[in-house]
Amino acid sequence: MSVAIQTKGGTLYKDTKIFHLSTRSQSGKIMNVNTNDKSDMVFNIPNCLDLTDPNIEYAEFSINYALIPISFYNINSTNNTFSIQYFVQTDTGGVASTVLYTIPAGNYTALSIVSWWNANVPNFQMTFDTVSSIFTLLNNVQTFRIFSSTNDYIFGYTTTISSSAWDTVNLNATLTFSRMCNFLPTPRINIRCRELGCGRMMSAVNSDEICAIIPNTARPNQQIVYLNQAGIKSLVKVERLNTFRVRLTDDDNNCLQFNGVSSFFDFCFDIYYKTIPKLPTFNSIVKDVNHETYRQLLYDIENYKEQLHKYNDKVRII
């Protein structure tokens, strides 16, 4: 049902479309390599939006509701690696070895990291100052440095940090991290869609794709209930929308890993008409659905042929 809206230029008639979307596999196609991540989806909705009608003045987009589970870990595949370069004890200029360490994904605290480190990184003793929230490392074999880390901002050090010189009295090398650790979960969730992004400029990678920024106000194993109470809307810039991709990421544009738990969100389009729009006929709706389904089938067939071709090429090489 259209609602009459009075504007300076005259009367417009607003019609609203709401699509109840989710990251369940039945809702769309999961694009994550690990389908349990459930944070990268392609939705195919025939005749979702068509603004080529000359009777349409403009359209606005908003996300009025979202339900997002806090099922992702504070240590995951995007921030769980670091390398230690060990030096020859008698010659700190010579490298004895370099070892890459990977922390298993999970929800960690400072104390559980201490336990993991002392059990898995040889010749080290890690301690944690509960007053300053800073880690200290002690190695009783050789000097060292930590580099190529993806978790320096969590542990509390710069990307490359070196131990002290070898202590000939205490027979060890020590390293106190430069700042306090931070094991808080992702502070906010970005819902992204290239076709509908509102072009916000903020401290986030590819911020022009962002449709909504949702603060993380829940604890692990709980869920965020987001309501667009401020009524934030953006102008729709595309003329047609049938297939679109939605990603749930952190500020660095890393897809979140929801570990098999689905999210739910509503996409709302307010379409403003110059005159009261006529509803489409049943036959036209069926025609649009059949056309889009046939187009998607052709796409899937071509994609299958391409994958089969790549597989055959590998078989010939073997």
Protein backbone atom coordinates (compact mmCIF):
# COMPACT_ATOMS: atom_id res chain seq x y z
CA MET A 1 0.00 0.00 0.00
CA SER A 2 1.42 3.38 -1.05
CA VAL A 3 1.63 6.26 1.42
CA ALA A 4 1.32 9.88 0.24
CA ILE A 5 4.31 12.05 1.23
CA GLN A 6 4.17 15.83 0.98
CA THR A 7 7.38 17.43 -0.33
CA LYS A 8 8.35 20.93 -1.47
CA GLY A 9 7.98 19.79 -5.07
CA GLY A 10 4.55 18.24 -4.53
CA THR A 11 3.13 14.89 -3.48
CA LEU A 12 5.09 11.65 -3.79
CA TYR A 13 3.82 8.15 -3.06
CA LYS A 14 6.05 5.89 -0.98
CA ASP A 15 6.03 2.13 -1.43
CA THR A 16 8.20 -0.08 0.81
CA LYS A 17 9.85 -3.40 0.00
CA ILE A 18 11.36 -5.43 2.85
CA PHE A 19 13.51 -8.53 2.28
CA HIS A 20 14.11 -10.76 5.29
CA LEU A 21 17.59 -12.17 4.62
CA SER A 22 19.89 -14.51 6.50
CA THR A 23 23.19 -16.34 6.12
CA ARG A 24 21.49 -19.74 6.16
CA SER A 25 22.35 -21.82 3.10
CA GLN A 26 18.67 -21.90 2.06
CA SER A 27 18.61 -18.10 1.83
CA GLY A 28 21.47 -17.62 -0.62
CA LYS A 29 24.82 -18.94 -1.77
CA ILE A 30 27.63 -19.00 0.82
CA MET A 31 30.84 -17.72 -0.77
CA ASN A 32 33.21 -18.40 2.15
CA VAL A 33 35.83 -21.08 1.45
CA ASN A 34 34.78 -22.57 4.77
CA THR A 35 30.99 -22.53 4.52
CA ASN A 36 30.71 -22.59 8.33
CA ASP A 37 32.03 -19.02 8.39
CA LYS A 38 28.62 -17.80 7.12
CA SER A 39 29.73 -14.21 6.50
CA ASP A 40 29.89 -13.89 2.70
CA MET A 41 26.61 -14.46 0.84
CA VAL A 42 25.25 -13.94 -2.68
CA PHE A 43 21.50 -13.40 -2.88
CA ASN A 44 19.53 -13.87 -6.09
CA ILE A 45 16.13 -12.14 -5.88
CA PRO A 46 14.38 -11.72 -9.26
CA ASN A 47 13.00 -8.21 -9.76
CA CYS A 48 14.31 -7.16 -6.35
CA LEU A 49 14.62 -3.56 -7.44
CA ASP A 50 13.97 -1.80 -10.76
CA LEU A 51 14.24 1.99 -10.76
CA THR A 52 14.09 2.43 -14.55
CA ASP A 53 10.36 3.18 -14.34
CA PRO A 54 10.00 6.90 -15.26
CA ASN A 55 7.29 7.12 -12.60
CA ILE A 56 9.93 6.59 -9.87
CA GLU A 57 11.47 9.74 -8.42
CA TYR A 58 14.09 8.02 -6.21
CA ALA A 59 14.59 5.21 -3.68
CA GLU A 60 16.18 4.92 -0.23
CA PHE A 61 17.82 1.92 1.40
CA SER A 62 18.17 0.99 5.06
CA ILE A 63 18.86 -1.95 7.34
CA ASN A 64 16.24 -1.63 10.05
CA TYR A 65 16.89 -4.89 11.89
CA ALA A 66 19.74 -7.34 12.36
CA LEU A 67 20.35 -10.32 14.62
CA ILE A 68 24.06 -11.20 14.77
CA PRO A 69 25.52 -13.99 16.92
CA ILE A 70 28.79 -13.47 18.78
CA SER A 71 30.02 -16.91 17.78
CA PHE A 72 33.33 -15.71 16.30
CA TYR A 73 36.60 -16.04 18.26
CA ASN A 74 38.95 -13.28 19.40
CA ILE A 75 41.83 -15.43 18.05
CA ASN A 76 41.11 -16.74 14.55
CA SER A 77 42.81 -17.41 11.21
CA THR A 78 43.32 -13.67 10.57
CA ASN A 79 45.29 -12.97 13.76
CA ASN A 80 46.81 -16.19 15.09
CA THR A 81 50.36 -16.35 13.70
CA PHE A 82 53.76 -14.96 14.66
CA SER A 83 57.38 -15.79 13.87
CA ILE A 84 60.33 -15.96 16.26
CA GLN A 85 63.86 -15.54 14.96
CA TYR A 86 66.42 -17.14 17.24
CA PHE A 87 70.00 -15.82 17.29
CA VAL A 88 73.21 -17.65 18.08
CA GLN A 89 73.87 -17.01 21.77
CA THR A 90 77.53 -16.10 21.34
CA ASP A 91 76.92 -13.96 18.25
CA THR A 92 73.70 -11.95 18.19
CA GLY A 93 74.38 -11.05 14.58
CA GLY A 94 73.97 -14.65 13.44
CA VAL A 95 70.56 -16.28 12.96
CA ALA A 96 70.26 -19.81 14.31
CA SER A 97 66.69 -20.49 13.16
CA THR A 98 63.30 -18.96 12.40
CA VAL A 99 60.06 -20.65 13.52
CA LEU A 100 56.45 -19.79 12.58
CA TYR A 101 53.91 -20.43 15.35
CA THR A 102 50.14 -20.75 14.94
CA ILE A 103 47.74 -20.40 17.84
CA PRO A 104 44.63 -22.62 17.54
CA ALA A 105 41.46 -20.55 17.02
CA GLY A 106 39.42 -19.87 20.13
CA ASN A 107 38.40 -17.34 22.76
CA TYR A 108 41.49 -16.55 24.83
CA THR A 109 42.26 -14.48 27.89
CA ALA A 110 45.71 -13.22 28.88
CA LEU A 111 46.14 -16.08 31.33
CA SER A 112 45.10 -18.77 28.85
CA ILE A 113 47.63 -17.33 26.35
CA VAL A 114 50.33 -17.63 29.03
CA SER A 115 49.42 -21.29 29.48
CA TRP A 116 49.45 -21.94 25.71
CA TRP A 117 52.78 -20.14 25.16
CA ASN A 118 54.62 -21.89 27.98
CA ALA A 119 53.35 -25.26 26.76
CA ASN A 120 54.05 -24.76 23.04
CA VAL A 121 57.01 -22.39 22.57
CA PRO A 122 60.22 -24.16 23.75
CA ASN A 123 62.78 -22.52 26.07
CA PHE A 124 60.45 -19.65 26.95
CA GLN A 125 58.75 -18.54 30.11
CA MET A 126 55.91 -16.05 29.61
CA THR A 127 54.55 -14.07 32.56
CA PHE A 128 51.68 -11.59 32.81
CA ASP A 129 51.51 -8.52 35.01
CA THR A 130 47.89 -8.29 36.17
CA VAL A 131 48.36 -4.64 37.20
CA SER A 132 49.76 -3.27 33.92
CA SER A 133 48.26 -6.02 31.67
CA ILE A 134 51.65 -6.44 29.96
CA PHE A 135 53.43 -9.67 28.97
CA THR A 136 57.10 -10.44 29.60
CA LEU A 137 59.14 -13.18 27.90
CA LEU A 138 62.28 -14.87 29.20
CA ASN A 139 64.46 -17.21 27.15
CA ASN A 140 67.25 -19.12 28.89
CA VAL A 141 68.97 -20.35 25.69
CA GLN A 142 69.45 -17.47 23.25
CA THR A 143 68.44 -13.97 22.17
CA PHE A 144 65.48 -13.58 19.82
CA ARG A 145 63.05 -11.27 18.05
CA ILE A 146 59.36 -11.54 17.15
CA PHE A 147 58.26 -10.43 13.66
CA SER A 148 55.71 -11.04 10.86
CA SER A 149 52.97 -11.15 13.46
CA THR A 150 49.25 -10.91 12.80
CA ASN A 151 48.41 -10.55 16.50
CA ASP A 152 50.77 -7.79 17.71
CA TYR A 153 47.82 -5.49 18.50
CA ILE A 154 46.35 -8.23 20.72
CA PHE A 155 49.55 -9.18 22.55
CA GLY A 156 50.69 -5.57 22.95
CA TYR A 157 53.84 -5.05 20.86
CA THR A 158 54.93 -3.57 17.54
CA THR A 159 55.20 -5.68 14.41
CA THR A 160 58.92 -6.35 15.08
CA ILE A 161 60.33 -6.40 18.60
CA SER A 162 63.67 -7.74 19.88
CA SER A 163 64.83 -9.13 23.19
CA SER A 164 67.50 -7.62 25.38
CA ALA A 165 71.15 -8.56 24.90
CA TRP A 166 72.27 -11.82 26.45
CA ASP A 167 72.57 -11.45 30.23
CA THR A 168 75.87 -13.12 31.13
CA VAL A 169 75.01 -13.08 34.85
CA ASN A 170 71.48 -14.47 34.81
CA LEU A 171 72.10 -16.40 31.57
CA ASN A 172 68.94 -15.33 29.78
CA ALA A 173 67.41 -12.81 27.38
CA THR A 174 64.22 -10.94 28.27
CA LEU A 175 61.55 -9.00 26.43
CA THR A 176 58.78 -6.89 27.98
CA PHE A 177 56.06 -5.95 25.51
CA SER A 178 55.60 -2.23 24.88
CA ARG A 179 51.92 -1.85 25.74
CA MET A 180 49.00 -3.59 27.41
CA CYS A 181 47.35 -6.56 25.74
CA ASN A 182 43.84 -6.47 24.28
CA PHE A 183 41.77 -9.65 24.12
CA LEU A 184 38.47 -7.87 23.58
CA PRO A 185 36.34 -9.27 20.73
CA THR A 186 35.75 -7.42 17.45
CA PRO A 187 34.35 -4.03 18.55
CA ARG A 188 31.90 -3.59 15.69
CA ILE A 189 30.46 -5.50 12.75
CA ASN A 190 30.29 -3.99 9.26
CA ILE A 191 27.50 -5.13 6.94
CA ARG A 192 28.82 -4.56 3.41
CA CYS A 193 27.23 -4.58 -0.02
CA ARG A 194 29.02 -2.99 -2.97
CA GLU A 195 25.78 -2.19 -4.81
CA LEU A 196 24.14 -0.52 -1.79
CA GLY A 197 27.08 0.93 0.16
CA CYS A 198 26.45 4.49 1.29
CA GLY A 199 30.03 5.75 0.80
CA ARG A 200 30.86 6.49 4.43
CA MET A 201 34.45 7.64 4.97
CA MET A 202 35.75 6.11 8.19
CA SER A 203 38.66 4.17 9.66
CA ALA A 204 37.78 1.01 7.80
CA VAL A 205 39.10 -0.68 4.66
CA ASN A 206 36.85 -0.15 1.59
CA SER A 207 34.40 1.89 3.65
CA ASP A 208 32.36 2.81 0.56
CA GLU A 209 30.86 -0.72 0.65
CA ILE A 210 29.51 -0.34 4.18
CA CYS A 211 25.72 -0.30 4.63
CA ALA A 212 25.56 -0.46 8.43
CA ILE A 213 28.01 -0.32 11.33
CA ILE A 214 26.81 -2.33 14.31
CA PRO A 215 28.55 -1.98 17.72
CA ASN A 216 29.36 -5.26 19.43
CA THR A 217 27.47 -4.90 22.70
CA ALA A 218 27.11 -8.62 23.48
CA ARG A 219 29.35 -11.19 25.13
CA PRO A 220 30.66 -14.35 23.41
CA ASN A 221 27.91 -16.91 22.82
CA GLN A 222 25.27 -14.19 22.98
CA GLN A 223 23.76 -12.17 20.14
CA ILE A 224 23.41 -8.55 19.05
CA VAL A 225 19.90 -7.27 18.38
CA TYR A 226 20.29 -4.20 16.18
CA LEU A 227 17.46 -1.75 15.50
CA ASN A 228 17.90 1.27 13.25
CA GLN A 229 16.51 3.62 15.87
CA ALA A 230 18.17 6.67 14.27
CA GLY A 231 16.33 5.95 11.02
CA ILE A 232 19.53 6.03 8.96
CA LYS A 233 18.87 5.71 5.23
CA SER A 234 20.95 6.13 2.08
CA LEU A 235 20.09 6.94 -1.50
CA VAL A 236 19.98 3.94 -3.86
CA LYS A 237 22.44 4.60 -6.69
CA VAL A 238 21.84 1.55 -8.92
CA GLU A 239 19.00 1.28 -11.41
CA ARG A 240 18.43 -2.46 -11.11
CA LEU A 241 19.16 -4.99 -8.41
CA ASN A 242 18.61 -8.74 -8.80
CA THR A 243 21.83 -10.39 -7.60
CA PHE A 244 23.91 -8.84 -4.84
CA ARG A 245 26.63 -9.86 -2.40
CA VAL A 246 26.53 -9.19 1.35
CA ARG A 247 29.52 -9.62 3.67
CA LEU A 248 29.83 -9.30 7.45
CA THR A 249 33.34 -8.09 8.30
CA ASP A 250 35.52 -6.31 10.82
CA ASP A 251 36.97 -2.84 10.16
CA ASP A 252 39.90 -4.38 8.25
CA ASN A 253 37.47 -5.97 5.77
CA ASN A 254 38.17 -9.48 7.07
CA CYS A 255 35.10 -11.72 6.83
CA LEU A 256 34.04 -12.81 10.29
CA GLN A 257 34.00 -16.52 11.12
CA PHE A 258 30.68 -17.37 12.73
CA ASN A 259 31.47 -21.08 13.21
CA GLY A 260 28.25 -22.39 11.71
CA VAL A 261 25.83 -19.95 13.39
CA SER A 262 23.58 -17.87 11.12
CA SER A 263 22.87 -14.13 11.12
CA PHE A 264 19.59 -12.46 10.16
CA PHE A 265 18.94 -8.98 8.74
CA ASP A 266 16.30 -7.00 6.86
CA PHE A 267 16.98 -4.98 3.69
CA CYS A 268 14.40 -2.23 3.33
CA PHE A 269 13.76 -0.15 0.18
CA ASP A 270 11.53 2.93 0.26
CA ILE A 271 10.54 3.76 -3.32
CA TYR A 272 9.04 7.17 -4.06
CA TYR A 273 6.66 7.43 -7.04
CA LYS A 274 5.32 10.50 -8.82
CA THR A 275 1.90 8.90 -9.11
CA ILE A 276 0.31 5.94 -7.36
CA PRO A 277 2.04 2.84 -8.81
CA LYS A 278 0.13 -0.01 -10.37
CA LEU A 279 0.73 -3.47 -8.99
CA PRO A 280 2.36 -5.94 -11.43
CA THR A 281 0.16 -8.67 -12.85
CA PHE A 282 0.57 -12.28 -11.77
CA ASN A 283 1.77 -13.27 -15.26
CA SER A 284 4.48 -10.60 -15.26
CA ILE A 285 5.74 -11.76 -11.87
CA VAL A 286 5.93 -15.39 -13.06
CA LYS A 287 7.73 -14.27 -16.23
CA ASP A 288 10.35 -12.34 -14.23
CA VAL A 289 10.93 -15.29 -11.87
CA ASN A 290 11.31 -17.77 -14.74
CA HIS A 291 13.69 -15.46 -16.62
CA GLU A 292 15.94 -14.94 -13.60
CA THR A 293 15.90 -18.66 -12.70
CA TYR A 294 16.89 -19.56 -16.29
CA ARG A 295 19.69 -16.96 -16.25
CA GLN A 296 21.05 -18.36 -12.98
CA LEU A 297 20.87 -21.92 -14.36
CA LEU A 298 22.96 -20.90 -17.40
CA TYR A 299 25.48 -19.25 -15.09
CA ASP A 300 25.77 -22.40 -12.95
CA ILE A 301 26.24 -24.57 -16.07
CA GLU A 302 29.04 -22.34 -17.39
CA ASN A 303 30.69 -22.32 -13.98
CA TYR A 304 30.51 -26.12 -13.82
CA LYS A 305 32.07 -26.39 -17.30
CA GLU A 306 34.92 -24.13 -16.24
CA GLN A 307 35.61 -26.18 -13.09
CA LEU A 308 35.46 -29.42 -15.10
CA HIS A 309 37.91 -27.96 -17.65
CA LYS A 310 40.36 -27.03 -14.88
CA TYR A 311 40.04 -30.52 -13.38
CA ASN A 312 40.72 -32.18 -16.77
CA ASP A 313 43.81 -29.99 -17.25
CA LYS A 314 45.16 -31.14 -13.87
CA VAL A 315 44.49 -34.79 -14.78
CA ARG A 316 46.44 -34.39 -18.06
CA ILE A 317 49.40 -32.88 -16.17
CA ILE A 318 49.44 -35.81 -13.74
